[in-house]
Protein backbone atom coordinates (compact mmCIF):
# COMPACT_ATOMS: atom_id res chain seq x y z
CA MET A 1 -0.07 -0.01 0.14
CA PHE A 2 1.42 3.41 -0.75
CA PRO A 3 1.22 6.25 1.85
CA PHE A 4 -0.84 9.37 1.04
CA VAL A 5 0.79 12.39 0.20
CA GLU A 6 -1.08 15.79 1.07
CA LEU A 7 -0.85 18.24 -1.89
CA LYS A 8 -2.41 21.82 -1.82
CA VAL A 9 -3.61 22.58 -5.36
CA ALA A 10 -5.75 25.68 -4.59
CA PHE A 11 -6.71 27.98 -1.90
CA ASP A 12 -10.19 29.57 -1.48
CA GLY A 13 -11.40 32.40 0.79
CA ILE A 14 -14.67 33.43 1.88
CA ALA A 15 -15.94 37.20 0.85
CA VAL A 16 -18.07 38.87 3.16
CA MET A 17 -20.31 41.26 1.16
CA VAL A 18 -22.82 44.22 1.71
CA ASN A 19 -24.95 46.03 -0.85
CA PRO A 20 -22.56 48.64 -2.64
CA ASP A 21 -24.82 51.41 -0.93
CA ASN A 22 -23.89 50.37 2.52
CA PRO A 23 -21.03 52.78 4.02
CA LEU A 24 -18.77 49.74 5.75
CA GLU A 25 -15.85 49.44 4.02
CA CYS A 26 -13.87 47.16 6.64
CA ILE A 27 -15.21 45.31 9.28
CA SER A 28 -13.74 42.91 12.02
CA LYS A 29 -14.21 39.59 13.56
CA ASP A 30 -16.21 40.84 16.28
CA ASP A 31 -18.44 42.74 14.14
CA LEU A 32 -18.94 39.59 12.02
CA TYR A 33 -19.87 37.96 15.25
CA ALA A 34 -22.13 40.61 16.22
CA ILE A 35 -24.21 40.53 12.82
CA ALA A 36 -24.47 36.80 12.49
CA GLY A 37 -23.40 34.91 15.80
CA PRO A 38 -25.88 33.66 18.36
CA GLU A 39 -26.17 36.65 20.32
CA SER A 40 -27.54 38.48 17.24
CA GLU A 41 -30.91 38.92 18.74
CA GLY A 42 -31.67 42.32 17.04
CA ASN A 43 -32.34 42.62 13.63
CA THR A 44 -30.88 46.31 12.78
CA TRP A 45 -27.30 47.40 12.26
CA GLU A 46 -27.84 49.74 15.35
CA ASP A 47 -28.19 46.52 17.46
CA ALA A 48 -25.16 44.94 15.85
CA GLN A 49 -22.97 47.94 16.34
CA ALA A 50 -23.94 48.01 20.10
CA LEU A 51 -22.91 43.98 20.72
CA ALA A 52 -20.13 44.62 18.44
CA SER A 53 -18.89 47.85 20.52
CA SER A 54 -19.42 45.66 23.66
CA LEU A 55 -17.10 42.88 22.45
CA GLY A 56 -14.22 45.76 21.65
CA SER A 57 -15.06 46.83 18.18
CA THR A 58 -13.84 50.20 17.19
CA THR A 59 -15.68 49.98 13.83
CA THR A 60 -17.30 53.16 12.48
CA GLY A 61 -19.50 54.21 9.87
CA TRP A 62 -22.36 51.55 10.18
CA PRO A 63 -25.44 51.99 8.42
CA SER A 64 -29.10 52.08 10.07
CA GLY A 65 -32.06 50.27 9.35
CA THR A 66 -32.76 46.57 9.42
CA ILE A 67 -30.01 43.81 8.50
CA ASP A 68 -31.01 41.50 5.58
CA VAL A 69 -28.59 38.08 6.35
CA ILE A 70 -28.74 36.43 3.14
CA ALA A 71 -25.94 33.52 3.08
CA PRO A 72 -25.18 29.86 2.69
CA GLY A 73 -27.28 26.98 3.94
CA THR A 74 -26.22 24.45 6.18
CA GLU A 75 -25.42 22.05 3.19
CA SER A 76 -22.67 24.57 1.98
CA GLY A 77 -18.86 23.99 2.76
CA THR A 78 -18.76 27.99 2.67
CA TYR A 79 -21.30 27.96 5.80
CA GLY A 80 -19.23 25.28 7.85
CA SER A 81 -15.89 27.25 7.26
CA PHE A 82 -17.69 30.74 8.14
CA ILE A 83 -19.06 29.06 11.07
CA GLU A 84 -15.59 27.57 11.95
CA ILE A 85 -13.41 30.76 11.23
CA VAL A 86 -15.54 33.39 12.56
CA LEU A 87 -18.16 32.45 15.01
CA GLU A 88 -17.45 29.05 16.72
CA LYS A 89 -14.41 30.09 19.01
CA LYS A 90 -16.12 33.32 20.04
CA ALA A 91 -19.54 31.77 20.80
CA GLU A 92 -17.74 29.09 22.85
CA ALA A 93 -15.85 31.55 24.84
CA ARG A 94 -19.02 33.70 25.12
CA ALA A 95 -21.03 30.78 26.60
CA GLU A 96 -18.17 29.92 28.81
CA GLU A 97 -18.32 33.37 30.11
CA GLY A 98 -22.08 32.99 30.59
CA ALA A 99 -22.76 35.78 27.87
CA VAL A 100 -24.75 33.19 25.81
CA SER A 101 -26.50 30.19 25.96
CA LEU A 102 -25.92 28.10 22.72
CA LEU A 103 -28.89 26.20 21.41
CA VAL A 104 -28.47 22.53 20.10
CA ASP A 105 -29.63 21.33 16.94
CA GLU A 106 -31.31 17.89 16.47
CA ASN A 107 -27.84 16.14 15.59
CA GLY A 108 -26.77 17.42 19.61
CA ASP A 109 -24.49 19.87 17.88
CA ASP A 110 -24.04 23.35 19.31
CA VAL A 111 -25.49 26.18 17.20
CA PHE A 112 -23.03 29.09 16.53
CA ILE A 113 -25.28 31.22 14.12
CA ARG A 114 -28.16 33.83 14.92
CA THR A 115 -31.55 31.98 15.78
CA ASP A 116 -33.40 33.57 12.88
CA TYR A 117 -30.92 32.30 10.18
CA ALA A 118 -32.14 30.84 7.08
CA GLY A 119 -29.56 29.73 4.55
CA GLN A 120 -29.90 29.89 0.90
CA PRO A 121 -28.48 27.01 -1.13
CA ASP A 122 -27.60 29.08 -4.09
CA ASP A 123 -24.56 31.49 -4.15
CA ASN A 124 -26.14 33.46 -7.26
CA VAL A 125 -29.29 33.84 -5.35
CA ILE A 126 -27.24 35.21 -2.41
CA ILE A 127 -25.28 37.78 -4.57
CA GLU A 128 -28.67 38.76 -6.19
CA GLY A 129 -30.25 39.16 -2.63
CA ILE A 130 -27.56 41.33 -1.34
CA ALA A 131 -27.37 43.45 -4.34
CA SER A 132 -31.30 44.22 -4.56
CA SER A 133 -31.42 44.58 -0.42
CA SER A 134 -29.91 48.19 0.60
CA ASN A 135 -29.45 46.24 3.68
CA GLY A 136 -28.11 43.33 2.46
CA PHE A 137 -25.23 41.18 4.33
CA GLY A 138 -23.79 37.89 3.70
CA TRP A 139 -20.86 35.68 2.27
CA VAL A 140 -19.82 33.39 -0.42
CA GLY A 141 -16.90 31.90 -1.83
CA PHE A 142 -14.40 34.46 -2.86
CA ALA A 143 -14.88 33.53 -6.66
CA PHE A 144 -18.34 34.07 -6.72
CA ALA A 145 -17.95 37.37 -5.12
CA THR A 146 -15.43 38.45 -7.53
CA ALA A 147 -17.58 37.21 -10.51
CA ALA A 148 -20.40 39.57 -9.27
CA GLY A 149 -18.46 42.57 -10.05
CA ASP A 150 -20.02 46.03 -8.81
CA ALA A 151 -23.37 44.39 -7.69
CA VAL A 152 -21.86 43.67 -4.16
CA LYS A 153 -19.50 45.41 -2.28
CA VAL A 154 -16.68 42.83 -0.71
CA LEU A 155 -15.73 44.04 2.77
CA GLU A 156 -12.17 44.14 4.09
CA VAL A 157 -11.80 42.24 7.24
CA LEU A 158 -9.57 44.04 9.84
CA ASN A 159 -6.48 41.96 11.09
CA PRO A 160 -6.42 39.06 8.50
CA ASP A 161 -4.61 36.08 9.94
CA THR A 162 -3.96 32.82 8.40
CA GLU A 163 -6.82 31.63 10.33
CA ASN A 164 -9.37 33.74 8.61
CA VAL A 165 -7.66 34.26 4.99
């Protein structure tokens, strides 16, 4: 039997996007947690900014109004990667602090995303939804976001590192 050898042939990234009219240009992982994490009980940008600020975020230029989260469904690898890279560790730490009680899904796994989250299985529909909603927010694979051109705005993530790139 031959030993397996791992060969990296490509890298992909997750693009976090908003509607082009959204004033945000750069956000932090705390901001992402405040928008999409399990403590994201409010449905407005103001609610998310308040939570992000309490987590230490100094991001300015937040929009106002409701947040329309339009992102991949649980069947997507992009969904799983976003949860693992952006939400899971922060949610676990906040649960240990007593700041949040994590829900458990039907498989007995902790739920690390906002309770009103309804994923979308089609990346093109996600992009169209963000493009058509002035308060749209979501994420897809980098290649899909790049192909969308100016229909959506891809945000910079503050302090990217090897874990979140």
